[in-house]
C-alpha atoms as a PDB file:
ATOM      1  CA  MET A   1    -172.375 101.343 170.372  1.00  0.00           C
ATOM      2  CA  CYS A   2    -170.004  99.682 167.867  1.00  0.00           C
ATOM      3  CA  SER A   3    -166.454  98.705 168.753  1.00  0.00           C
ATOM      4  CA  LEU A   4    -163.567 100.381 167.019  1.00  0.00           C
ATOM      5  CA  SER A   5    -160.233  99.780 165.277  1.00  0.00           C
ATOM      6  CA  VAL A   6    -157.704 102.579 164.767  1.00  0.00           C
ATOM      7  CA  LEU A   7    -155.667 102.491 161.543  1.00  0.00           C
ATOM      8  CA  LEU A   8    -152.448 104.486 161.852  1.00  0.00           C
ATOM      9  CA  PRO A   9    -149.826 104.436 159.052  1.00  0.00           C
ATOM     10  CA  VAL A  10    -146.240 105.221 160.031  1.00  0.00           C
ATOM     11  CA  ALA A  11    -143.709 106.470 157.485  1.00  0.00           C
ATOM     12  CA  ALA A  12    -139.961 105.851 157.690  1.00  0.00           C
ATOM     13  CA  THR A  13    -139.540 109.615 158.134  1.00  0.00           C
ATOM     14  CA  SER A  14    -142.011 109.891 161.029  1.00  0.00           C
ATOM     15  CA  ASN A  15    -140.805 111.601 164.169  1.00  0.00           C
ATOM     16  CA  PRO A  16    -140.766 109.085 167.073  1.00  0.00           C
ATOM     17  CA  ALA A  17    -141.864 111.725 169.593  1.00  0.00           C
ATOM     18  CA  ASN A  18    -144.787 112.781 167.401  1.00  0.00           C
ATOM     19  CA  LEU A  19    -145.797 109.150 166.889  1.00  0.00           C
ATOM     20  CA  THR A  20    -145.798 108.577 170.630  1.00  0.00           C
ATOM     21  CA  ARG A  21    -147.878 111.723 171.139  1.00  0.00           C
ATOM     22  CA  ALA A  22    -150.382 110.598 168.482  1.00  0.00           C
ATOM     23  CA  TYR A  23    -150.619 107.137 170.022  1.00  0.00           C
ATOM     24  CA  GLN A  24    -151.202 108.570 173.496  1.00  0.00           C
ATOM     25  CA  SER A  25    -154.039 110.727 172.177  1.00  0.00           C
ATOM     26  CA  VAL A  26    -155.677 107.462 171.080  1.00  0.00           C
ATOM     27  CA  THR A  27    -155.126 105.574 174.327  1.00  0.00           C
ATOM     28  CA  GLU A  28    -156.390 108.536 176.381  1.00  0.00           C
ATOM     29  CA  GLN A  29    -159.772 108.728 174.628  1.00  0.00           C
ATOM     30  CA  THR A  30    -162.931 108.794 176.741  1.00  0.00           C
ATOM     31  CA  LEU A  31    -164.034 105.824 174.622  1.00  0.00           C
ATOM     32  CA  SER A  32    -161.207 103.350 174.101  1.00  0.00           C
ATOM     33  CA  PRO A  33    -160.678 101.479 170.809  1.00  0.00           C
ATOM     34  CA  GLU A  34    -160.590  97.695 170.751  1.00  0.00           C
ATOM     35  CA  GLU A  35    -157.369  97.683 168.742  1.00  0.00           C
ATOM     36  CA  ILE A  36    -154.730 100.011 167.322  1.00  0.00           C
ATOM     37  CA  ILE A  37    -153.092  98.885 164.081  1.00  0.00           C
ATOM     38  CA  LEU A  38    -149.805 100.568 163.153  1.00  0.00           C
ATOM     39  CA  VAL A  39    -148.984  99.888 159.492  1.00  0.00           C
ATOM     40  CA  THR A  40    -145.720 100.397 157.598  1.00  0.00           C
ATOM     41  CA  ASN A  41    -144.310  99.519 154.199  1.00  0.00           C
ATOM     42  CA  GLN A  42    -140.890 101.211 154.151  1.00  0.00           C
ATOM     43  CA  PRO A  43    -137.584 100.211 155.773  1.00  0.00           C
ATOM     44  CA  LEU A  44    -137.695 101.816 159.213  1.00  0.00           C
ATOM     45  CA  THR A  45    -135.006 103.733 161.029  1.00  0.00           C
ATOM     46  CA  ASP A  46    -133.848 102.290 164.328  1.00  0.00           C
ATOM     47  CA  ASN A  47    -135.517 105.170 166.205  1.00  0.00           C
ATOM     48  CA  ILE A  48    -138.919 104.597 164.609  1.00  0.00           C
ATOM     49  CA  LYS A  49    -138.622 100.846 164.979  1.00  0.00           C
ATOM     50  CA  THR A  50    -137.851 101.246 168.677  1.00  0.00           C
ATOM     51  CA  ALA A  51    -140.751 103.672 169.158  1.00  0.00           C
ATOM     52  CA  ILE A  52    -143.189 101.282 167.467  1.00  0.00           C
ATOM     53  CA  ASN A  53    -141.939  98.310 169.482  1.00  0.00           C
ATOM     54  CA  ASP A  54    -142.258 100.279 172.735  1.00  0.00           C
ATOM     55  CA  LEU A  55    -145.836 101.299 171.908  1.00  0.00           C
ATOM     56  CA  ILE A  56    -146.839  97.774 170.954  1.00  0.00           C
ATOM     57  CA  ALA A  57    -145.303  96.416 174.151  1.00  0.00           C
ATOM     58  CA  SER A  58    -147.282  98.924 176.224  1.00  0.00           C
ATOM     59  CA  ASP A  59    -150.707  97.672 175.080  1.00  0.00           C
ATOM     60  CA  SER A  60    -151.798  94.122 174.317  1.00  0.00           C
ATOM     61  CA  ASN A  61    -154.427  95.498 171.898  1.00  0.00           C
ATOM     62  CA  SER A  62    -151.844  97.214 169.700  1.00  0.00           C
ATOM     63  CA  TYR A  63    -150.269  95.599 166.656  1.00  0.00           C
ATOM     64  CA  HIS A  64    -147.656  96.435 164.045  1.00  0.00           C
ATOM     65  CA  GLU A  65    -148.194  95.155 160.518  1.00  0.00           C
ATOM     66  CA  HIS A  66    -145.374  95.595 157.992  1.00  0.00           C
ATOM     67  CA  PHE A  67    -146.271  95.294 154.298  1.00  0.00           C
ATOM     68  CA  PRO A  68    -143.002  95.605 152.328  1.00  0.00           C
ATOM     69  CA  ASN A  69    -144.725  94.875 149.010  1.00  0.00           C
ATOM     70  CA  ALA A  70    -147.323  97.637 149.425  1.00  0.00           C
ATOM     71  CA  HIS A  71    -146.634 100.569 147.091  1.00  0.00           C
ATOM     72  CA  GLY A  72    -147.636 103.967 148.393  1.00  0.00           C
ATOM     73  CA  LEU A  73    -150.056 105.070 151.065  1.00  0.00           C
ATOM     74  CA  GLY A  74    -153.107 103.706 149.269  1.00  0.00           C
ATOM     75  CA  GLU A  75    -151.859 100.131 149.214  1.00  0.00           C
ATOM     76  CA  VAL A  76    -150.589 100.118 152.789  1.00  0.00           C
ATOM     77  CA  LEU A  77    -153.932 101.515 153.986  1.00  0.00           C
ATOM     78  CA  SER A  78    -155.766  98.925 151.885  1.00  0.00           C
ATOM     79  CA  LYS A  79    -153.864  96.088 153.522  1.00  0.00           C
ATOM     80  CA  GLY A  80    -154.191  97.680 156.959  1.00  0.00           C
ATOM     81  CA  LEU A  81    -157.948  98.108 156.586  1.00  0.00           C
ATOM     82  CA  LYS A  82    -158.310  94.405 155.799  1.00  0.00           C
ATOM     83  CA  ARG A  83    -156.257  93.640 158.926  1.00  0.00           C
ATOM     84  CA  CYS A  84    -158.677  95.613 161.137  1.00  0.00           C
ATOM     85  CA  THR A  85    -161.217  93.349 162.850  1.00  0.00           C
ATOM     86  CA  GLU A  86    -163.764  95.776 164.323  1.00  0.00           C
ATOM     87  CA  PRO A  87    -166.878  97.046 162.484  1.00  0.00           C
ATOM     88  CA  VAL A  88    -165.817 100.702 162.677  1.00  0.00           C
ATOM     89  CA  VAL A  89    -162.396 102.091 161.734  1.00  0.00           C
ATOM     90  CA  ALA A  90    -160.918 105.456 162.724  1.00  0.00           C
ATOM     91  CA  ARG A  91    -158.034 106.974 160.797  1.00  0.00           C
ATOM     92  CA  MET A  92    -155.070 108.695 162.391  1.00  0.00           C
ATOM     93  CA  ASP A  93    -151.686 109.860 161.142  1.00  0.00           C
ATOM     94  CA  ALA A  94    -148.412 109.732 163.021  1.00  0.00           C
ATOM     95  CA  ASP A  95    -148.315 113.505 163.581  1.00  0.00           C
ATOM     96  CA  ASP A  96    -151.961 113.928 164.660  1.00  0.00           C
ATOM     97  CA  ILE A  97    -153.514 114.573 168.042  1.00  0.00           C
ATOM     98  CA  SER A  98    -157.101 113.454 168.569  1.00  0.00           C
ATOM     99  CA  GLU A  99    -159.171 115.391 171.077  1.00  0.00           C
ATOM    100  CA  PRO A 100    -160.110 113.171 174.076  1.00  0.00           C
ATOM    101  CA  ASP A 101    -163.783 112.887 173.116  1.00  0.00           C
ATOM    102  CA  ARG A 102    -163.236 112.425 169.370  1.00  0.00           C
ATOM    103  CA  PHE A 103    -164.092 108.724 169.209  1.00  0.00           C
ATOM    104  CA  ALA A 104    -167.126 109.062 171.465  1.00  0.00           C
ATOM    105  CA  GLU A 105    -168.488 111.992 169.428  1.00  0.00           C
ATOM    106  CA  GLN A 106    -168.052 110.286 166.080  1.00  0.00           C
ATOM    107  CA  LEU A 107    -169.274 106.861 167.172  1.00  0.00           C
ATOM    108  CA  ASP A 108    -172.375 108.532 168.545  1.00  0.00           C
ATOM    109  CA  ILE A 109    -173.095 109.966 165.085  1.00  0.00           C
ATOM    110  CA  LEU A 110    -172.504 106.625 163.369  1.00  0.00           C
ATOM    111  CA  SER A 111    -174.701 104.715 165.809  1.00  0.00           C
ATOM    112  CA  LYS A 112    -177.628 107.166 165.848  1.00  0.00           C
ATOM    113  CA  THR A 113    -177.854 108.098 162.159  1.00  0.00           C
ATOM    114  CA  GLU A 114    -177.667 106.508 158.715  1.00  0.00           C
ATOM    115  CA  VAL A 115    -174.184 107.959 158.237  1.00  0.00           C
ATOM    116  CA  ASP A 116    -171.422 105.608 157.017  1.00  0.00           C
ATOM    117  CA  ILE A 117    -168.475 108.025 157.096  1.00  0.00           C
ATOM    118  CA  VAL A 118    -167.936 110.863 159.564  1.00  0.00           C
ATOM    119  CA  GLY A 119    -165.144 113.414 159.870  1.00  0.00           C
ATOM    120  CA  SER A 120    -164.581 116.837 161.401  1.00  0.00           C
ATOM    121  CA  HIS A 121    -162.779 120.132 161.059  1.00  0.00           C
ATOM    122  CA  LEU A 122    -159.017 119.958 161.598  1.00  0.00           C
ATOM    123  CA  ALA A 123    -156.612 122.433 163.206  1.00  0.00           C
ATOM    124  CA  GLU A 124    -153.061 122.702 161.837  1.00  0.00           C
ATOM    125  CA  PHE A 125    -150.082 123.712 163.972  1.00  0.00           C
ATOM    126  CA  ARG A 126    -146.331 123.833 163.511  1.00  0.00           C
ATOM    127  CA  ASN A 127    -144.837 123.785 167.009  1.00  0.00           C
ATOM    128  CA  ASN A 128    -147.481 124.200 169.689  1.00  0.00           C
ATOM    129  CA  PRO A 129    -150.747 122.225 169.455  1.00  0.00           C
ATOM    130  CA  GLU A 130    -152.428 124.892 171.566  1.00  0.00           C
ATOM    131  CA  GLN A 131    -151.542 127.584 169.030  1.00  0.00           C
ATOM    132  CA  PRO A 132    -152.869 126.384 165.649  1.00  0.00           C
ATOM    133  CA  GLU A 133    -152.028 128.435 162.578  1.00  0.00           C
ATOM    134  CA  ARG A 134    -155.283 127.745 160.767  1.00  0.00           C
ATOM    135  CA  THR A 135    -158.310 125.494 160.605  1.00  0.00           C
ATOM    136  CA  ARG A 136    -159.283 123.316 157.665  1.00  0.00           C
ATOM    137  CA  ASN A 137    -163.048 123.678 157.776  1.00  0.00           C
ATOM    138  CA  VAL A 138    -165.184 121.221 155.836  1.00  0.00           C
ATOM    139  CA  PRO A 139    -168.902 121.084 154.978  1.00  0.00           C
ATOM    140  CA  VAL A 140    -171.077 119.397 157.580  1.00  0.00           C
ATOM    141  CA  THR A 141    -174.157 117.879 155.927  1.00  0.00           C
ATOM    142  CA  HIS A 142    -174.300 115.102 153.362  1.00  0.00           C
ATOM    143  CA  ASN A 143    -175.748 117.414 150.710  1.00  0.00           C
ATOM    144  CA  GLU A 144    -173.003 119.989 151.227  1.00  0.00           C
ATOM    145  CA  ILE A 145    -170.346 117.265 151.165  1.00  0.00           C
ATOM    146  CA  SER A 146    -171.815 115.907 147.924  1.00  0.00           C
ATOM    147  CA  GLU A 147    -171.589 119.356 146.318  1.00  0.00           C
ATOM    148  CA  TRP A 148    -167.957 119.770 147.333  1.00  0.00           C
ATOM    149  CA  MET A 149    -166.975 116.294 146.151  1.00  0.00           C
ATOM    150  CA  ALA A 150    -167.130 117.356 142.497  1.00  0.00           C
ATOM    151  CA  TRP A 151    -164.262 119.829 142.794  1.00  0.00           C
ATOM    152  CA  ARG A 152    -162.683 119.664 146.235  1.00  0.00           C
ATOM    153  CA  CYS A 153    -162.133 116.916 148.793  1.00  0.00           C
ATOM    154  CA  PRO A 154    -164.802 117.487 151.478  1.00  0.00           C
ATOM    155  CA  MET A 155    -163.296 115.306 154.234  1.00  0.00           C
ATOM    156  CA  ASN A 156    -160.175 115.806 156.348  1.00  0.00           C
ATOM    157  CA  HIS A 157    -158.700 112.331 155.981  1.00  0.00           C
ATOM    158  CA  PRO A 158    -157.033 112.038 159.441  1.00  0.00           C
ATOM    159  CA  THR A 159    -160.338 112.926 161.120  1.00  0.00           C
ATOM    160  CA  THR A 160    -162.440 110.238 159.463  1.00  0.00           C
ATOM    161  CA  MET A 161    -164.194 107.262 161.014  1.00  0.00           C
ATOM    162  CA  PHE A 162    -166.230 104.834 158.928  1.00  0.00           C
ATOM    163  CA  ASP A 163    -168.140 101.607 158.608  1.00  0.00           C
ATOM    164  CA  ARG A 164    -165.454  99.089 157.652  1.00  0.00           C
ATOM    165  CA  GLU A 165    -167.613  96.747 155.583  1.00  0.00           C
ATOM    166  CA  ALA A 166    -169.319  99.579 153.704  1.00  0.00           C
ATOM    167  CA  VAL A 167    -165.949 100.985 152.663  1.00  0.00           C
ATOM    168  CA  LEU A 168    -164.541  97.574 151.751  1.00  0.00           C
ATOM    169  CA  ASP A 169    -167.637  96.914 149.632  1.00  0.00           C
ATOM    170  CA  VAL A 170    -166.709  99.812 147.328  1.00  0.00           C
ATOM    171  CA  GLY A 171    -163.143  98.515 146.998  1.00  0.00           C
ATOM    172  CA  GLY A 172    -161.504 100.276 149.931  1.00  0.00           C
ATOM    173  CA  TYR A 173    -158.307 102.221 149.460  1.00  0.00           C
ATOM    174  CA  ARG A 174    -156.359 101.804 146.247  1.00  0.00           C
ATOM    175  CA  ASN A 175    -153.110 103.057 144.763  1.00  0.00           C
ATOM    176  CA  PHE A 176    -154.079 106.590 143.713  1.00  0.00           C
ATOM    177  CA  PRO A 177    -150.996 108.703 144.574  1.00  0.00           C
ATOM    178  CA  MET A 178    -151.616 111.953 146.451  1.00  0.00           C
ATOM    179  CA  MET A 179    -155.403 111.577 146.192  1.00  0.00           C
ATOM    180  CA  GLU A 180    -156.013 108.269 147.992  1.00  0.00           C
ATOM    181  CA  ASP A 181    -158.634 109.709 150.293  1.00  0.00           C
ATOM    182  CA  TRP A 182    -160.552 111.803 147.743  1.00  0.00           C
ATOM    183  CA  ASP A 183    -160.603 108.817 145.394  1.00  0.00           C
ATOM    184  CA  LEU A 184    -162.086 106.637 148.138  1.00  0.00           C
ATOM    185  CA  TRP A 185    -164.713 109.164 149.220  1.00  0.00           C
ATOM    186  CA  ALA A 186    -165.788 109.744 145.608  1.00  0.00           C
ATOM    187  CA  ARG A 187    -166.349 106.030 145.070  1.00  0.00           C
ATOM    188  CA  CYS A 188    -168.225 105.842 148.373  1.00  0.00           C
ATOM    189  CA  LEU A 189    -170.506 108.707 147.322  1.00  0.00           C
ATOM    190  CA  ALA A 190    -171.131 107.126 143.922  1.00  0.00           C
ATOM    191  CA  ALA A 191    -172.106 103.901 145.726  1.00  0.00           C
ATOM    192  CA  GLY A 192    -174.698 105.729 147.847  1.00  0.00           C
ATOM    193  CA  LEU A 193    -172.865 105.895 151.173  1.00  0.00           C
ATOM    194  CA  GLN A 194    -173.833 108.694 153.559  1.00  0.00           C
ATOM    195  CA  PHE A 195    -171.413 111.334 154.879  1.00  0.00           C
ATOM    196  CA  GLN A 196    -171.336 113.828 157.725  1.00  0.00           C
ATOM    197  CA  ASN A 197    -168.726 116.053 159.346  1.00  0.00           C
ATOM    198  CA  SER A 198    -168.928 117.030 162.976  1.00  0.00           C
ATOM    199  CA  ASP A 199    -169.032 120.807 163.300  1.00  0.00           C
ATOM    200  CA  GLN A 200    -166.118 120.660 165.739  1.00  0.00           C
ATOM    201  CA  ILE A 201    -162.332 120.462 165.657  1.00  0.00           C
ATOM    202  CA  LEU A 202    -161.683 116.884 166.776  1.00  0.00           C
ATOM    203  CA  VAL A 203    -158.125 116.484 165.465  1.00  0.00           C
ATOM    204  CA  LYS A 204    -155.013 118.646 165.435  1.00  0.00           C
ATOM    205  CA  ALA A 205    -152.330 117.964 162.830  1.00  0.00           C
ATOM    206  CA  GLN A 206    -148.717 119.056 162.866  1.00  0.00           C
ATOM    207  CA  ILE A 207    -147.579 120.495 159.549  1.00  0.00           C
ATOM    208  CA  ASP A 208    -144.072 120.566 158.172  1.00  0.00           C
ATOM    209  CA  ASP A 209    -142.857 121.509 154.660  1.00  0.00           C
ATOM    210  CA  LEU A 210    -146.517 121.681 153.666  1.00  0.00           C
ATOM    211  CA  THR A 211    -145.928 123.555 150.437  1.00  0.00           C
ATOM    212  CA  ASP A 212    -143.516 120.927 149.153  1.00  0.00           C
ATOM    213  CA  ARG A 213    -146.135 118.231 149.696  1.00  0.00           C
ATOM    214  CA  ARG A 214    -148.929 120.189 148.069  1.00  0.00           C
ATOM    215  CA  GLY A 215    -147.179 121.538 145.009  1.00  0.00           C
ATOM    216  CA  GLY A 216    -145.214 120.608 141.945  1.00  0.00           C
ATOM    217  CA  LEU A 217    -145.858 118.853 138.656  1.00  0.00           C
ATOM    218  CA  ASN A 218    -146.690 115.506 140.273  1.00  0.00           C
ATOM    219  CA  TYR A 219    -149.447 117.080 142.326  1.00  0.00           C
ATOM    220  CA  ALA A 220    -150.830 118.886 139.283  1.00  0.00           C
ATOM    221  CA  GLN A 221    -150.913 115.583 137.402  1.00  0.00           C
ATOM    222  CA  ALA A 222    -152.731 113.998 140.346  1.00  0.00           C
ATOM    223  CA  GLU A 223    -155.373 116.729 140.109  1.00  0.00           C
ATOM    224  CA  PHE A 224    -155.938 115.840 136.441  1.00  0.00           C
ATOM    225  CA  ARG A 225    -156.272 112.143 137.298  1.00  0.00           C
ATOM    226  CA  MET A 226    -158.747 112.953 140.053  1.00  0.00           C
ATOM    227  CA  ALA A 227    -160.809 115.211 137.790  1.00  0.00           C
ATOM    228  CA  LYS A 228    -161.001 112.413 135.220  1.00  0.00           C
ATOM    229  CA  GLU A 229    -162.120 109.938 137.890  1.00  0.00           C
ATOM    230  CA  LEU A 230    -164.845 112.281 139.160  1.00  0.00           C
ATOM    231  CA  GLN A 231    -166.251 112.538 135.659  1.00  0.00           C
ATOM    232  CA  LYS A 232    -166.060 108.765 135.217  1.00  0.00           C
ATOM    233  CA  LEU A 233    -168.087 108.319 138.424  1.00  0.00           C
ATOM    234  CA  GLU A 234    -170.599 110.911 137.142  1.00  0.00           C
ATOM    235  CA  ILE A 235    -170.006 113.053 140.216  1.00  0.00           C
ATOM    236  CA  ALA A 236    -168.550 116.003 138.318  1.00  0.00           C
ATOM    237  CA  SER A 237    -170.070 117.800 135.365  1.00  0.00           C
ATOM    238  CA  ARG A 238    -167.976 119.477 132.718  1.00  0.00           C
ATOM    239  CA  ARG A 239    -168.523 122.768 134.532  1.00  0.00           C
ATOM    240  CA  ASP A 240    -167.379 121.190 137.816  1.00  0.00           C
ATOM    241  CA  THR A 241    -164.223 119.903 136.135  1.00  0.00           C
ATOM    242  CA  ILE A 242    -163.371 123.328 134.725  1.00  0.00           C
ATOM    243  CA  LYS A 243    -163.864 124.824 138.197  1.00  0.00           C
ATOM    244  CA  HIS A 244    -161.757 122.083 139.779  1.00  0.00           C
ATOM    245  CA  LEU A 245    -158.814 122.433 137.409  1.00  0.00           C
ATOM    246  CA  SER A 246    -158.874 126.223 137.093  1.00  0.00           C
ATOM    247  CA  LEU A 247    -158.859 126.715 140.866  1.00  0.00           C
ATOM    248  CA  ARG A 248    -156.482 123.928 141.877  1.00  0.00           C
ATOM    249  CA  ILE A 249    -153.919 123.445 139.104  1.00  0.00           C
ATOM    250  CA  PRO A 250    -152.334 126.955 138.934  1.00  0.00           C
ATOM    251  CA  PRO A 251    -151.366 127.096 142.644  1.00  0.00           C
ATOM    252  CA  ARG A 252    -149.701 123.664 142.335  1.00  0.00           C
ATOM    253  CA  LEU A 253    -147.296 125.079 139.739  1.00  0.00           C
ATOM    254  CA  LEU A 254    -146.394 128.321 141.517  1.00  0.00           C
ATOM    255  CA  PRO A 255    -143.074 128.844 143.339  1.00  0.00           C
ATOM    256  CA  PRO A 256    -143.221 127.486 146.918  1.00  0.00           C
ATOM    257  CA  GLN A 257    -143.193 130.897 148.604  1.00  0.00           C
ATOM    258  CA  ILE A 258    -146.195 132.144 146.627  1.00  0.00           C
ATOM    259  CA  ARG A 259    -148.007 128.826 147.008  1.00  0.00           C
ATOM    260  CA  ASP A 260    -147.485 128.969 150.762  1.00  0.00           C
ATOM    261  CA  ARG A 261    -148.985 132.455 150.895  1.00  0.00           C
ATOM    262  CA  ILE A 262    -152.050 131.305 148.952  1.00  0.00           C
ATOM    263  CA  TYR A 263    -152.462 128.337 151.254  1.00  0.00           C
ATOM    264  CA  GLN A 264    -152.192 130.605 154.279  1.00  0.00           C
ATOM    265  CA  LEU A 265    -155.035 132.713 152.891  1.00  0.00           C
ATOM    266  CA  PHE A 266    -157.358 129.954 151.743  1.00  0.00           C
ATOM    267  CA  ALA A 267    -156.325 126.873 153.813  1.00  0.00           C
ATOM    268  CA  ARG A 268    -156.113 124.560 150.765  1.00  0.00           C
END
């Protein structure tokens, strides 16, 4: 079975307690990673800096890489991915909790199939991880994932694990604001990489001010950029693009309260 790097970006606004909880969910896996790479690009508060330093000091296989010249999540993930040394990389965010058998389950899929990228369903909670508000379900098979790719991101980014070299070969992450993951998966699909999602909830994610992050003019513009890219990659037909924009643009421009209600009903 392949060895594993964990790539975990930390924002300046991250909660130190949540970061510690996320980190512990990695170190308490039934299959331990070879290294944990915490990556940052913003000036850090003293509390976050202390939390990172404490975590790094607790494990000789943990590292903090600061990239002050990296702009946005895409660039910091790009630099972090190149820093990873193991053949397989798992993604985590600073407010996530991975189930104890997540890495073992996903590595088993990668090692026994032709799959290059594997994810899972994701549970979202606000206060108590044991009381999720909703589940972000995703398609399971490669064919289903391919169909979704044309109009909706079919992978829950914080749940993904992938072949490092295969992803780097398609260019890895790039600066594509608000759609860094969908952009990457689309290029991977166009290059012939194989996808699968485990039909389980392997990650729980804490949500906060979700509607602010998922709405507004900037997000609507990002949807247009993504639709254009999908057509360029010949993943989306004209009909797919109309479906994509008609279903996803209007909710982005609604008032936050209405947008939140729609998200509650449809979980994206």
